[in-house]
Amino acid sequence: MSKFEGPKIVTPIPGPKALGVIEWHKIVGDVRGRGLMIAVDLVKDRETKERFLDLDHILVEAHKRGLILLPCGINCIRVAPPLIVNQKQMEKGLDIIEQSISVVEKRL
């Protein structure tokens, strides 16, 4: 008789420091979520909360760097990595998001 041990899942959850790198961008209005599911709300102006509608440019920049992001509504990016993601992959993904936002911000 074999003894089955379920998978040992140690899922990295991005901490405030990692998400803070994204939040300091002027077009990022809010970063929210639970666990691995994160939404990045993009705005033209943080004061008025006017929506940033050029979301596609950020998605394309991320795709060029090897990361597929999902839109959520008309001005949010949904980050939904697989449950088997490791810490190194998570950090790389967050770096790509940050780089993609930076590139688009410089064009404004």
PDB file of N, CA and C in Angstrom:
ATOM      1  N   MET A   1       0.834  -1.172   0.000  1.00  0.00           N
ATOM      2  CA  MET A   1       0.000   0.000   0.000  1.00  0.00           C
ATOM      3  C   MET A   1       0.884   1.241   0.000  1.00  0.00           C
ATOM      4  N   SER A   2       0.633   2.138  -0.931  1.00  0.00           N
ATOM      5  CA  SER A   2       1.449   3.356  -1.000  1.00  0.00           C
ATOM      6  C   SER A   2       0.798   4.475  -0.203  1.00  0.00           C
ATOM      7  N   LYS A   3       1.650   5.266   0.319  1.00  0.00           N
ATOM      8  CA  LYS A   3       1.171   6.405   1.093  1.00  0.00           C
ATOM      9  C   LYS A   3       1.224   7.637   0.188  1.00  0.00           C
ATOM     10  N   PHE A   4       0.085   8.263  -0.021  1.00  0.00           N
ATOM     11  CA  PHE A   4       0.037   9.435  -0.882  1.00  0.00           C
ATOM     12  C   PHE A   4       0.139  10.700  -0.051  1.00  0.00           C
ATOM     13  N   GLU A   5       1.094  11.506  -0.403  1.00  0.00           N
ATOM     14  CA  GLU A   5       1.216  12.815   0.229  1.00  0.00           C
ATOM     15  C   GLU A   5       0.816  13.843  -0.813  1.00  0.00           C
ATOM     16  N   GLY A   6      -0.072  14.687  -0.464  1.00  0.00           N
ATOM     17  CA  GLY A   6      -0.508  15.726  -1.392  1.00  0.00           C
ATOM     18  C   GLY A   6       0.652  16.638  -1.756  1.00  0.00           C
ATOM     19  N   PRO A   7       0.486  17.404  -2.800  1.00  0.00           N
ATOM     20  CA  PRO A   7       1.556  18.303  -3.227  1.00  0.00           C
ATOM     21  C   PRO A   7       1.841  19.354  -2.162  1.00  0.00           C
ATOM     22  N   LYS A   8       3.089  19.668  -2.036  1.00  0.00           N
ATOM     23  CA  LYS A   8       3.482  20.721  -1.103  1.00  0.00           C
ATOM     24  C   LYS A   8       3.500  22.023  -1.887  1.00  0.00           C
ATOM     25  N   ILE A   9       2.537  22.841  -1.630  1.00  0.00           N
ATOM     26  CA  ILE A   9       2.411  24.090  -2.364  1.00  0.00           C
ATOM     27  C   ILE A   9       2.926  25.226  -1.492  1.00  0.00           C
ATOM     28  N   VAL A  10       3.958  25.835  -1.984  1.00  0.00           N
ATOM     29  CA  VAL A  10       4.490  27.013  -1.331  1.00  0.00           C
ATOM     30  C   VAL A  10       4.416  28.118  -2.376  1.00  0.00           C
ATOM     31  N   THR A  11       3.348  28.856  -2.354  1.00  0.00           N
ATOM     32  CA  THR A  11       3.114  29.868  -3.368  1.00  0.00           C
ATOM     33  C   THR A  11       3.604  31.219  -2.871  1.00  0.00           C
ATOM     34  N   PRO A  12       4.474  31.859  -3.646  1.00  0.00           N
ATOM     35  CA  PRO A  12       4.935  33.185  -3.250  1.00  0.00           C
ATOM     36  C   PRO A  12       3.816  34.202  -3.419  1.00  0.00           C
ATOM     37  N   ILE A  13       3.654  35.025  -2.457  1.00  0.00           N
ATOM     38  CA  ILE A  13       2.671  36.094  -2.555  1.00  0.00           C
ATOM     39  C   ILE A  13       3.440  37.400  -2.578  1.00  0.00           C
ATOM     40  N   PRO A  14       3.187  38.224  -3.592  1.00  0.00           N
ATOM     41  CA  PRO A  14       3.929  39.477  -3.665  1.00  0.00           C
ATOM     42  C   PRO A  14       3.644  40.343  -2.454  1.00  0.00           C
ATOM     43  N   GLY A  15       4.683  40.769  -1.800  1.00  0.00           N
ATOM     44  CA  GLY A  15       4.524  41.594  -0.607  1.00  0.00           C
ATOM     45  C   GLY A  15       4.378  43.058  -0.953  1.00  0.00           C
ATOM     46  N   PRO A  16       4.139  43.883   0.048  1.00  0.00           N
ATOM     47  CA  PRO A  16       3.947  45.314  -0.172  1.00  0.00           C
ATOM     48  C   PRO A  16       5.138  45.970  -0.845  1.00  0.00           C
ATOM     49  N   LYS A  17       6.344  45.495  -0.535  1.00  0.00           N
ATOM     50  CA  LYS A  17       7.532  46.095  -1.135  1.00  0.00           C
ATOM     51  C   LYS A  17       7.541  45.857  -2.642  1.00  0.00           C
ATOM     52  N   ALA A  18       7.225  44.628  -3.053  1.00  0.00           N
ATOM     53  CA  ALA A  18       7.205  44.303  -4.483  1.00  0.00           C
ATOM     54  C   ALA A  18       6.131  45.098  -5.203  1.00  0.00           C
ATOM     55  N   LEU A  19       4.959  45.184  -4.616  1.00  0.00           N
ATOM     56  CA  LEU A  19       3.868  45.930  -5.242  1.00  0.00           C
ATOM     57  C   LEU A  19       4.116  47.426  -5.179  1.00  0.00           C
ATOM     58  N   GLY A  20       4.860  47.876  -4.195  1.00  0.00           N
ATOM     59  CA  GLY A  20       5.192  49.295  -4.068  1.00  0.00           C
ATOM     60  C   GLY A  20       5.985  49.810  -5.245  1.00  0.00           C
ATOM     61  N   VAL A  21       6.791  48.958  -5.862  1.00  0.00           N
ATOM     62  CA  VAL A  21       7.559  49.344  -7.039  1.00  0.00           C
ATOM     63  C   VAL A  21       6.615  49.744  -8.162  1.00  0.00           C
ATOM     64  N   ILE A  22       5.505  49.040  -8.271  1.00  0.00           N
ATOM     65  CA  ILE A  22       4.518  49.358  -9.294  1.00  0.00           C
ATOM     66  C   ILE A  22       3.747  50.614  -8.907  1.00  0.00           C
ATOM     67  N   GLU A  23       3.398  50.743  -7.639  1.00  0.00           N
ATOM     68  CA  GLU A  23       2.546  51.843  -7.177  1.00  0.00           C
ATOM     69  C   GLU A  23       3.160  53.224  -7.331  1.00  0.00           C
ATOM     70  N   TRP A  24       4.478  53.341  -7.370  1.00  0.00           N
ATOM     71  CA  TRP A  24       5.065  54.676  -7.414  1.00  0.00           C
ATOM     72  C   TRP A  24       4.922  55.336  -8.780  1.00  0.00           C
ATOM     73  N   HIS A  25       4.502  54.608  -9.778  1.00  0.00           N
ATOM     74  CA  HIS A  25       4.293  55.202 -11.101  1.00  0.00           C
ATOM     75  C   HIS A  25       3.112  56.153 -11.077  1.00  0.00           C
ATOM     76  N   LYS A  26       3.248  57.275 -11.794  1.00  0.00           N
ATOM     77  CA  LYS A  26       2.197  58.289 -11.755  1.00  0.00           C
ATOM     78  C   LYS A  26       0.890  57.844 -12.392  1.00  0.00           C
ATOM     79  N   ILE A  27       0.925  56.842 -13.292  1.00  0.00           N
ATOM     80  CA  ILE A  27      -0.323  56.385 -13.917  1.00  0.00           C
ATOM     81  C   ILE A  27      -0.981  55.237 -13.154  1.00  0.00           C
ATOM     82  N   VAL A  28      -0.373  54.809 -12.073  1.00  0.00           N
ATOM     83  CA  VAL A  28      -0.971  53.745 -11.257  1.00  0.00           C
ATOM     84  C   VAL A  28      -1.792  54.385 -10.145  1.00  0.00           C
ATOM     85  N   GLY A  29      -3.095  54.162 -10.218  1.00  0.00           N
ATOM     86  CA  GLY A  29      -3.987  54.741  -9.216  1.00  0.00           C
ATOM     87  C   GLY A  29      -4.130  53.873  -7.992  1.00  0.00           C
ATOM     88  N   ASP A  30      -4.085  52.554  -8.194  1.00  0.00           N
ATOM     89  CA  ASP A  30      -4.296  51.634  -7.076  1.00  0.00           C
ATOM     90  C   ASP A  30      -3.801  50.245  -7.461  1.00  0.00           C
ATOM     91  N   VAL A  31      -3.319  49.517  -6.489  1.00  0.00           N
ATOM     92  CA  VAL A  31      -2.966  48.109  -6.653  1.00  0.00           C
ATOM     93  C   VAL A  31      -3.715  47.365  -5.558  1.00  0.00           C
ATOM     94  N   ARG A  32      -4.534  46.407  -5.973  1.00  0.00           N
ATOM     95  CA  ARG A  32      -5.351  45.706  -4.973  1.00  0.00           C
ATOM     96  C   ARG A  32      -5.495  44.246  -5.354  1.00  0.00           C
ATOM     97  N   GLY A  33      -5.894  43.457  -4.398  1.00  0.00           N
ATOM     98  CA  GLY A  33      -6.128  42.056  -4.677  1.00  0.00           C
ATOM     99  C   GLY A  33      -5.958  41.189  -3.451  1.00  0.00           C
ATOM    100  N   ARG A  34      -6.058  39.896  -3.680  1.00  0.00           N
ATOM    101  CA  ARG A  34      -5.888  38.897  -2.622  1.00  0.00           C
ATOM    102  C   ARG A  34      -5.002  37.794  -3.149  1.00  0.00           C
ATOM    103  N   GLY A  35      -4.043  37.410  -2.343  1.00  0.00           N
ATOM    104  CA  GLY A  35      -3.157  36.330  -2.757  1.00  0.00           C
ATOM    105  C   GLY A  35      -2.460  36.654  -4.059  1.00  0.00           C
ATOM    106  N   LEU A  36      -2.573  35.755  -5.014  1.00  0.00           N
ATOM    107  CA  LEU A  36      -1.906  35.945  -6.291  1.00  0.00           C
ATOM    108  C   LEU A  36      -2.723  36.772  -7.284  1.00  0.00           C
ATOM    109  N   MET A  37      -4.002  36.945  -7.059  1.00  0.00           N
ATOM    110  CA  MET A  37      -4.848  37.703  -7.977  1.00  0.00           C
ATOM    111  C   MET A  37      -4.742  39.184  -7.639  1.00  0.00           C
ATOM    112  N   ILE A  38      -4.163  39.935  -8.567  1.00  0.00           N
ATOM    113  CA  ILE A  38      -3.902  41.349  -8.327  1.00  0.00           C
ATOM    114  C   ILE A  38      -4.480  42.167  -9.472  1.00  0.00           C
ATOM    115  N   ALA A  39      -5.008  43.343  -9.167  1.00  0.00           N
ATOM    116  CA  ALA A  39      -5.469  44.286 -10.180  1.00  0.00           C
ATOM    117  C   ALA A  39      -4.677  45.575 -10.038  1.00  0.00           C
ATOM    118  N   VAL A  40      -4.209  46.098 -11.159  1.00  0.00           N
ATOM    119  CA  VAL A  40      -3.492  47.365 -11.191  1.00  0.00           C
ATOM    120  C   VAL A  40      -4.388  48.359 -11.924  1.00  0.00           C
ATOM    121  N   ASP A  41      -4.871  49.337 -11.190  1.00  0.00           N
ATOM    122  CA  ASP A  41      -5.778  50.351 -11.728  1.00  0.00           C
ATOM    123  C   ASP A  41      -4.952  51.482 -12.313  1.00  0.00           C
ATOM    124  N   LEU A  42      -5.167  51.807 -13.591  1.00  0.00           N
ATOM    125  CA  LEU A  42      -4.382  52.834 -14.268  1.00  0.00           C
ATOM    126  C   LEU A  42      -5.210  54.101 -14.465  1.00  0.00           C
ATOM    127  N   VAL A  43      -4.601  55.235 -14.132  1.00  0.00           N
ATOM    128  CA  VAL A  43      -5.288  56.523 -14.217  1.00  0.00           C
ATOM    129  C   VAL A  43      -4.410  57.552 -14.917  1.00  0.00           C
ATOM    130  N   LYS A  44      -5.059  58.551 -15.528  1.00  0.00           N
ATOM    131  CA  LYS A  44      -4.314  59.664 -16.120  1.00  0.00           C
ATOM    132  C   LYS A  44      -3.871  60.629 -15.037  1.00  0.00           C
ATOM    133  N   ASP A  45      -4.726  60.780 -14.033  1.00  0.00           N
ATOM    134  CA  ASP A  45      -4.475  61.731 -12.956  1.00  0.00           C
ATOM    135  C   ASP A  45      -4.953  61.113 -11.641  1.00  0.00           C
ATOM    136  N   ARG A  46      -4.059  61.026 -10.687  1.00  0.00           N
ATOM    137  CA  ARG A  46      -4.425  60.418  -9.399  1.00  0.00           C
ATOM    138  C   ARG A  46      -5.451  61.247  -8.631  1.00  0.00           C
ATOM    139  N   GLU A  47      -5.419  62.557  -8.828  1.00  0.00           N
ATOM    140  CA  GLU A  47      -6.360  63.428  -8.112  1.00  0.00           C
ATOM    141  C   GLU A  47      -7.792  63.218  -8.596  1.00  0.00           C
ATOM    142  N   THR A  48      -7.970  63.263  -9.915  1.00  0.00           N
ATOM    143  CA  THR A  48      -9.315  63.164 -10.481  1.00  0.00           C
ATOM    144  C   THR A  48      -9.741  61.720 -10.727  1.00  0.00           C
ATOM    145  N   LYS A  49      -8.782  60.792 -10.680  1.00  0.00           N
ATOM    146  CA  LYS A  49      -9.032  59.363 -10.957  1.00  0.00           C
ATOM    147  C   LYS A  49      -9.530  59.132 -12.394  1.00  0.00           C
ATOM    148  N   GLU A  50      -9.195  60.084 -13.297  1.00  0.00           N
ATOM    149  CA  GLU A  50      -9.560  59.903 -14.707  1.00  0.00           C
ATOM    150  C   GLU A  50      -8.868  58.655 -15.236  1.00  0.00           C
ATOM    151  N   ARG A  51      -9.610  57.830 -15.913  1.00  0.00           N
ATOM    152  CA  ARG A  51      -9.101  56.538 -16.375  1.00  0.00           C
ATOM    153  C   ARG A  51      -8.036  56.677 -17.458  1.00  0.00           C
ATOM    154  N   PHE A  52      -7.028  55.832 -17.378  1.00  0.00           N
ATOM    155  CA  PHE A  52      -5.993  55.731 -18.404  1.00  0.00           C
ATOM    156  C   PHE A  52      -6.488  54.701 -19.411  1.00  0.00           C
ATOM    157  N   LEU A  53      -6.783  55.156 -20.628  1.00  0.00           N
ATOM    158  CA  LEU A  53      -7.434  54.293 -21.602  1.00  0.00           C
ATOM    159  C   LEU A  53      -6.480  53.639 -22.595  1.00  0.00           C
ATOM    160  N   ASP A  54      -5.182  53.912 -22.497  1.00  0.00           N
ATOM    161  CA  ASP A  54      -4.198  53.316 -23.410  1.00  0.00           C
ATOM    162  C   ASP A  54      -3.593  52.044 -22.821  1.00  0.00           C
ATOM    163  N   LEU A  55      -4.445  51.251 -22.229  1.00  0.00           N
ATOM    164  CA  LEU A  55      -4.046  50.010 -21.572  1.00  0.00           C
ATOM    165  C   LEU A  55      -3.317  49.054 -22.516  1.00  0.00           C
ATOM    166  N   ASP A  56      -3.748  49.027 -23.778  1.00  0.00           N
ATOM    167  CA  ASP A  56      -3.163  48.103 -24.751  1.00  0.00           C
ATOM    168  C   ASP A  56      -1.661  48.290 -24.903  1.00  0.00           C
ATOM    169  N   HIS A  57      -1.184  49.530 -24.772  1.00  0.00           N
ATOM    170  CA  HIS A  57       0.247  49.784 -24.918  1.00  0.00           C
ATOM    171  C   HIS A  57       1.062  49.059 -23.841  1.00  0.00           C
ATOM    172  N   ILE A  58       0.548  49.028 -22.628  1.00  0.00           N
ATOM    173  CA  ILE A  58       1.237  48.332 -21.533  1.00  0.00           C
ATOM    174  C   ILE A  58       1.190  46.826 -21.766  1.00  0.00           C
ATOM    175  N   LEU A  59       0.047  46.318 -22.208  1.00  0.00           N
ATOM    176  CA  LEU A  59      -0.087  44.885 -22.482  1.00  0.00           C
ATOM    177  C   LEU A  59       0.879  44.455 -23.585  1.00  0.00           C
ATOM    178  N   VAL A  60       1.038  45.284 -24.621  1.00  0.00           N
ATOM    179  CA  VAL A  60       1.957  44.963 -25.718  1.00  0.00           C
ATOM    180  C   VAL A  60       3.404  44.982 -25.235  1.00  0.00           C
ATOM    181  N   GLU A  61       3.767  45.983 -24.436  1.00  0.00           N
ATOM    182  CA  GLU A  61       5.136  46.055 -23.906  1.00  0.00           C
ATOM    183  C   GLU A  61       5.457  44.840 -23.048  1.00  0.00           C
ATOM    184  N   ALA A  62       4.518  44.417 -22.234  1.00  0.00           N
ATOM    185  CA  ALA A  62       4.731  43.236 -21.393  1.00  0.00           C
ATOM    186  C   ALA A  62       4.875  41.990 -22.265  1.00  0.00           C
ATOM    187  N   HIS A  63       4.057  41.891 -23.291  1.00  0.00           N
ATOM    188  CA  HIS A  63       4.120  40.731 -24.197  1.00  0.00           C
ATOM    189  C   HIS A  63       5.471  40.665 -24.903  1.00  0.00           C
ATOM    190  N   LYS A  64       6.000  41.808 -25.319  1.00  0.00           N
ATOM    191  CA  LYS A  64       7.334  41.866 -25.951  1.00  0.00           C
ATOM    192  C   LYS A  64       8.400  41.294 -25.026  1.00  0.00           C
ATOM    193  N   ARG A  65       8.184  41.431 -23.723  1.00  0.00           N
ATOM    194  CA  ARG A  65       9.155  40.970 -22.723  1.00  0.00           C
ATOM    195  C   ARG A  65       8.842  39.566 -22.207  1.00  0.00           C
ATOM    196  N   GLY A  66       7.817  38.933 -22.781  1.00  0.00           N
ATOM    197  CA  GLY A  66       7.523  37.549 -22.436  1.00  0.00           C
ATOM    198  C   GLY A  66       6.456  37.326 -21.380  1.00  0.00           C
ATOM    199  N   LEU A  67       5.678  38.357 -21.070  1.00  0.00           N
ATOM    200  CA  LEU A  67       4.646  38.231 -20.044  1.00  0.00           C
ATOM    201  C   LEU A  67       3.278  38.547 -20.641  1.00  0.00           C
ATOM    202  N   ILE A  68       2.345  37.653 -20.456  1.00  0.00           N
ATOM    203  CA  ILE A  68       0.990  37.882 -20.926  1.00  0.00           C
ATOM    204  C   ILE A  68       0.156  38.394 -19.755  1.00  0.00           C
ATOM    205  N   LEU A  69      -0.400  39.582 -19.936  1.00  0.00           N
ATOM    206  CA  LEU A  69      -1.268  40.187 -18.927  1.00  0.00           C
ATOM    207  C   LEU A  69      -2.679  40.257 -19.482  1.00  0.00           C
ATOM    208  N   LEU A  70      -3.647  40.243 -18.593  1.00  0.00           N
ATOM    209  CA  LEU A  70      -5.051  40.306 -18.996  1.00  0.00           C
ATOM    210  C   LEU A  70      -5.631  41.664 -18.643  1.00  0.00           C
ATOM    211  N   PRO A  71      -6.395  42.241 -19.571  1.00  0.00           N
ATOM    212  CA  PRO A  71      -7.095  43.468 -19.201  1.00  0.00           C
ATOM    213  C   PRO A  71      -8.259  43.126 -18.277  1.00  0.00           C
ATOM    214  N   CYS A  72      -8.625  44.077 -17.475  1.00  0.00           N
ATOM    215  CA  CYS A  72      -9.755  43.912 -16.570  1.00  0.00           C
ATOM    216  C   CYS A  72     -10.539  45.218 -16.630  1.00  0.00           C
ATOM    217  N   GLY A  73     -11.648  45.211 -17.329  1.00  0.00           N
ATOM    218  CA  GLY A  73     -12.358  46.455 -17.564  1.00  0.00           C
ATOM    219  C   GLY A  73     -11.619  47.267 -18.612  1.00  0.00           C
ATOM    220  N   ILE A  74     -11.764  48.592 -18.545  1.00  0.00           N
ATOM    221  CA  ILE A  74     -11.125  49.428 -19.565  1.00  0.00           C
ATOM    222  C   ILE A  74      -9.834  50.098 -19.102  1.00  0.00           C
ATOM    223  N   ASN A  75      -9.532  50.017 -17.799  1.00  0.00           N
ATOM    224  CA  ASN A  75      -8.308  50.668 -17.345  1.00  0.00           C
ATOM    225  C   ASN A  75      -7.576  49.898 -16.238  1.00  0.00           C
ATOM    226  N   CYS A  76      -7.782  48.610 -16.158  1.00  0.00           N
ATOM    227  CA  CYS A  76      -7.092  47.792 -15.152  1.00  0.00           C
ATOM    228  C   CYS A  76      -6.349  46.640 -15.805  1.00  0.00           C
ATOM    229  N   ILE A  77      -5.254  46.274 -15.192  1.00  0.00           N
ATOM    230  CA  ILE A  77      -4.507  45.092 -15.589  1.00  0.00           C
ATOM    231  C   ILE A  77      -4.749  44.033 -14.528  1.00  0.00           C
ATOM    232  N   ARG A  78      -5.071  42.851 -14.962  1.00  0.00           N
ATOM    233  CA  ARG A  78      -5.275  41.722 -14.054  1.00  0.00           C
ATOM    234  C   ARG A  78      -4.012  40.873 -14.070  1.00  0.00           C
ATOM    235  N   VAL A  79      -3.459  40.623 -12.914  1.00  0.00           N
ATOM    236  CA  VAL A  79      -2.294  39.753 -12.776  1.00  0.00           C
ATOM    237  C   VAL A  79      -2.792  38.477 -12.114  1.00  0.00           C
ATOM    238  N   ALA A  80      -2.687  37.366 -12.843  1.00  0.00           N
ATOM    239  CA  ALA A  80      -3.204  36.089 -12.343  1.00  0.00           C
ATOM    240  C   ALA A  80      -2.235  34.963 -12.693  1.00  0.00           C
ATOM    241  N   PRO A  81      -1.125  34.873 -11.965  1.00  0.00           N
ATOM    242  CA  PRO A  81      -0.155  33.818 -12.266  1.00  0.00           C
ATOM    243  C   PRO A  81      -0.676  32.441 -11.865  1.00  0.00           C
ATOM    244  N   PRO A  82      -0.105  31.401 -12.448  1.00  0.00           N
ATOM    245  CA  PRO A  82      -0.521  30.050 -12.066  1.00  0.00           C
ATOM    246  C   PRO A  82      -0.121  29.754 -10.614  1.00  0.00           C
ATOM    247  N   LEU A  83      -0.820  28.838 -10.004  1.00  0.00           N
ATOM    248  CA  LEU A  83      -0.529  28.489  -8.611  1.00  0.00           C
ATOM    249  C   LEU A  83       0.841  27.854  -8.433  1.00  0.00           C
ATOM    250  N   ILE A  84       1.440  27.375  -9.503  1.00  0.00           N
ATOM    251  CA  ILE A  84       2.749  26.721  -9.401  1.00  0.00           C
ATOM    252  C   ILE A  84       3.907  27.694  -9.617  1.00  0.00           C
ATOM    253  N   VAL A  85       3.617  28.984  -9.698  1.00  0.00           N
ATOM    254  CA  VAL A  85       4.660  29.978  -9.903  1.00  0.00           C
ATOM    255  C   VAL A  85       5.624  29.965  -8.713  1.00  0.00           C
ATOM    256  N   ASN A  86       6.910  30.143  -9.006  1.00  0.00           N
ATOM    257  CA  ASN A  86       7.879  30.221  -7.906  1.00  0.00           C
ATOM    258  C   ASN A  86       8.284  31.679  -7.676  1.00  0.00           C
ATOM    259  N   GLN A  87       9.033  31.916  -6.632  1.00  0.00           N
ATOM    260  CA  GLN A  87       9.386  33.282  -6.240  1.00  0.00           C
ATOM    261  C   GLN A  87      10.157  34.003  -7.341  1.00  0.00           C
ATOM    262  N   LYS A  88      11.094  33.316  -7.969  1.00  0.00           N
ATOM    263  CA  LYS A  88      11.907  33.932  -9.032  1.00  0.00           C
ATOM    264  C   LYS A  88      11.023  34.357 -10.206  1.00  0.00           C
ATOM    265  N   GLN A  89      10.089  33.511 -10.595  1.00  0.00           N
ATOM    266  CA  GLN A  89       9.183  33.832 -11.693  1.00  0.00           C
ATOM    267  C   GLN A  89       8.279  35.007 -11.329  1.00  0.00           C
ATOM    268  N   MET A  90       7.815  35.029 -10.093  1.00  0.00           N
ATOM    269  CA  MET A  90       6.953  36.114  -9.643  1.00  0.00           C
ATOM    270  C   MET A  90       7.699  37.447  -9.690  1.00  0.00           C
ATOM    271  N   GLU A  91       8.936  37.441  -9.214  1.00  0.00           N
ATOM    272  CA  GLU A  91       9.736  38.663  -9.228  1.00  0.00           C
ATOM    273  C   GLU A  91      10.003  39.129 -10.654  1.00  0.00           C
ATOM    274  N   LYS A  92      10.290  38.188 -11.546  1.00  0.00           N
ATOM    275  CA  LYS A  92      10.525  38.541 -12.948  1.00  0.00           C
ATOM    276  C   LYS A  92       9.269  39.140 -13.564  1.00  0.00           C
ATOM    277  N   GLY A  93       8.111  38.556 -13.279  1.00  0.00           N
ATOM    278  CA  GLY A  93       6.852  39.084 -13.786  1.00  0.00           C
ATOM    279  C   GLY A  93       6.581  40.497 -13.296  1.00  0.00           C
ATOM    280  N   LEU A  94       6.816  40.745 -12.012  1.00  0.00           N
ATOM    281  CA  LEU A  94       6.615  42.084 -11.463  1.00  0.00           C
ATOM    282  C   LEU A  94       7.595  43.083 -12.075  1.00  0.00           C
ATOM    283  N   ASP A  95       8.834  42.642 -12.337  1.00  0.00           N
ATOM    284  CA  ASP A  95       9.822  43.501 -13.004  1.00  0.00           C
ATOM    285  C   ASP A  95       9.346  43.874 -14.404  1.00  0.00           C
ATOM    286  N   ILE A  96       8.793  42.912 -15.121  1.00  0.00           N
ATOM    287  CA  ILE A  96       8.303  43.171 -16.479  1.00  0.00           C
ATOM    288  C   ILE A  96       7.128  44.145 -16.449  1.00  0.00           C
ATOM    289  N   ILE A  97       6.237  43.989 -15.489  1.00  0.00           N
ATOM    290  CA  ILE A  97       5.116  44.927 -15.363  1.00  0.00           C
ATOM    291  C   ILE A  97       5.651  46.336 -15.115  1.00  0.00           C
ATOM    292  N   GLU A  98       6.601  46.451 -14.211  1.00  0.00           N
ATOM    293  CA  GLU A  98       7.179  47.750 -13.882  1.00  0.00           C
ATOM    294  C   GLU A  98       7.860  48.365 -15.105  1.00  0.00           C
ATOM    295  N   GLN A  99       8.636  47.578 -15.842  1.00  0.00           N
ATOM    296  CA  GLN A  99       9.317  48.066 -17.049  1.00  0.00           C
ATOM    297  C   GLN A  99       8.316  48.512 -18.100  1.00  0.00           C
ATOM    298  N   SER A 100       7.263  47.742 -18.280  1.00  0.00           N
ATOM    299  CA  SER A 100       6.246  48.060 -19.287  1.00  0.00           C
ATOM    300  C   SER A 100       5.528  49.360 -18.966  1.00  0.00           C
ATOM    301  N   ILE A 101       5.198  49.550 -17.699  1.00  0.00           N
ATOM    302  CA  ILE A 101       4.564  50.805 -17.291  1.00  0.00           C
ATOM    303  C   ILE A 101       5.524  51.967 -17.502  1.00  0.00           C
ATOM    304  N   SER A 102       6.795  51.778 -17.177  1.00  0.00           N
ATOM    305  CA  SER A 102       7.800  52.825 -17.353  1.00  0.00           C
ATOM    306  C   SER A 102       7.915  53.265 -18.806  1.00  0.00           C
ATOM    307  N   VAL A 103       7.955  52.290 -19.707  1.00  0.00           N
ATOM    308  CA  VAL A 103       8.089  52.603 -21.138  1.00  0.00           C
ATOM    309  C   VAL A 103       6.906  53.441 -21.614  1.00  0.00           C
ATOM    310  N   VAL A 104       5.706  53.033 -21.235  1.00  0.00           N
ATOM    311  CA  VAL A 104       4.505  53.757 -21.663  1.00  0.00           C
ATOM    312  C   VAL A 104       4.439  55.133 -21.019  1.00  0.00           C
ATOM    313  N   GLU A 105       4.836  55.234 -19.771  1.00  0.00           N
ATOM    314  CA  GLU A 105       4.831  56.518 -19.064  1.00  0.00           C
ATOM    315  C   GLU A 105       5.749  57.526 -19.734  1.00  0.00           C
ATOM    316  N   LYS A 106       6.893  57.066 -20.212  1.00  0.00           N
ATOM    317  CA  LYS A 106       7.848  57.966 -20.863  1.00  0.00           C
ATOM    318  C   LYS A 106       7.291  58.560 -22.148  1.00  0.00           C
ATOM    319  N   ARG A 107       6.363  57.869 -22.779  1.00  0.00           N
ATOM    320  CA  ARG A 107       5.750  58.355 -24.027  1.00  0.00           C
ATOM    321  C   ARG A 107       4.707  59.438 -23.770  1.00  0.00           C
ATOM    322  N   LEU A 108       4.268  59.580 -22.535  1.00  0.00           N
ATOM    323  CA  LEU A 108       3.197  60.558 -22.232  1.00  0.00           C
ATOM    324  C   LEU A 108       3.731  61.972 -22.198  1.00  0.00           C
TER     325      LEU A 108
END
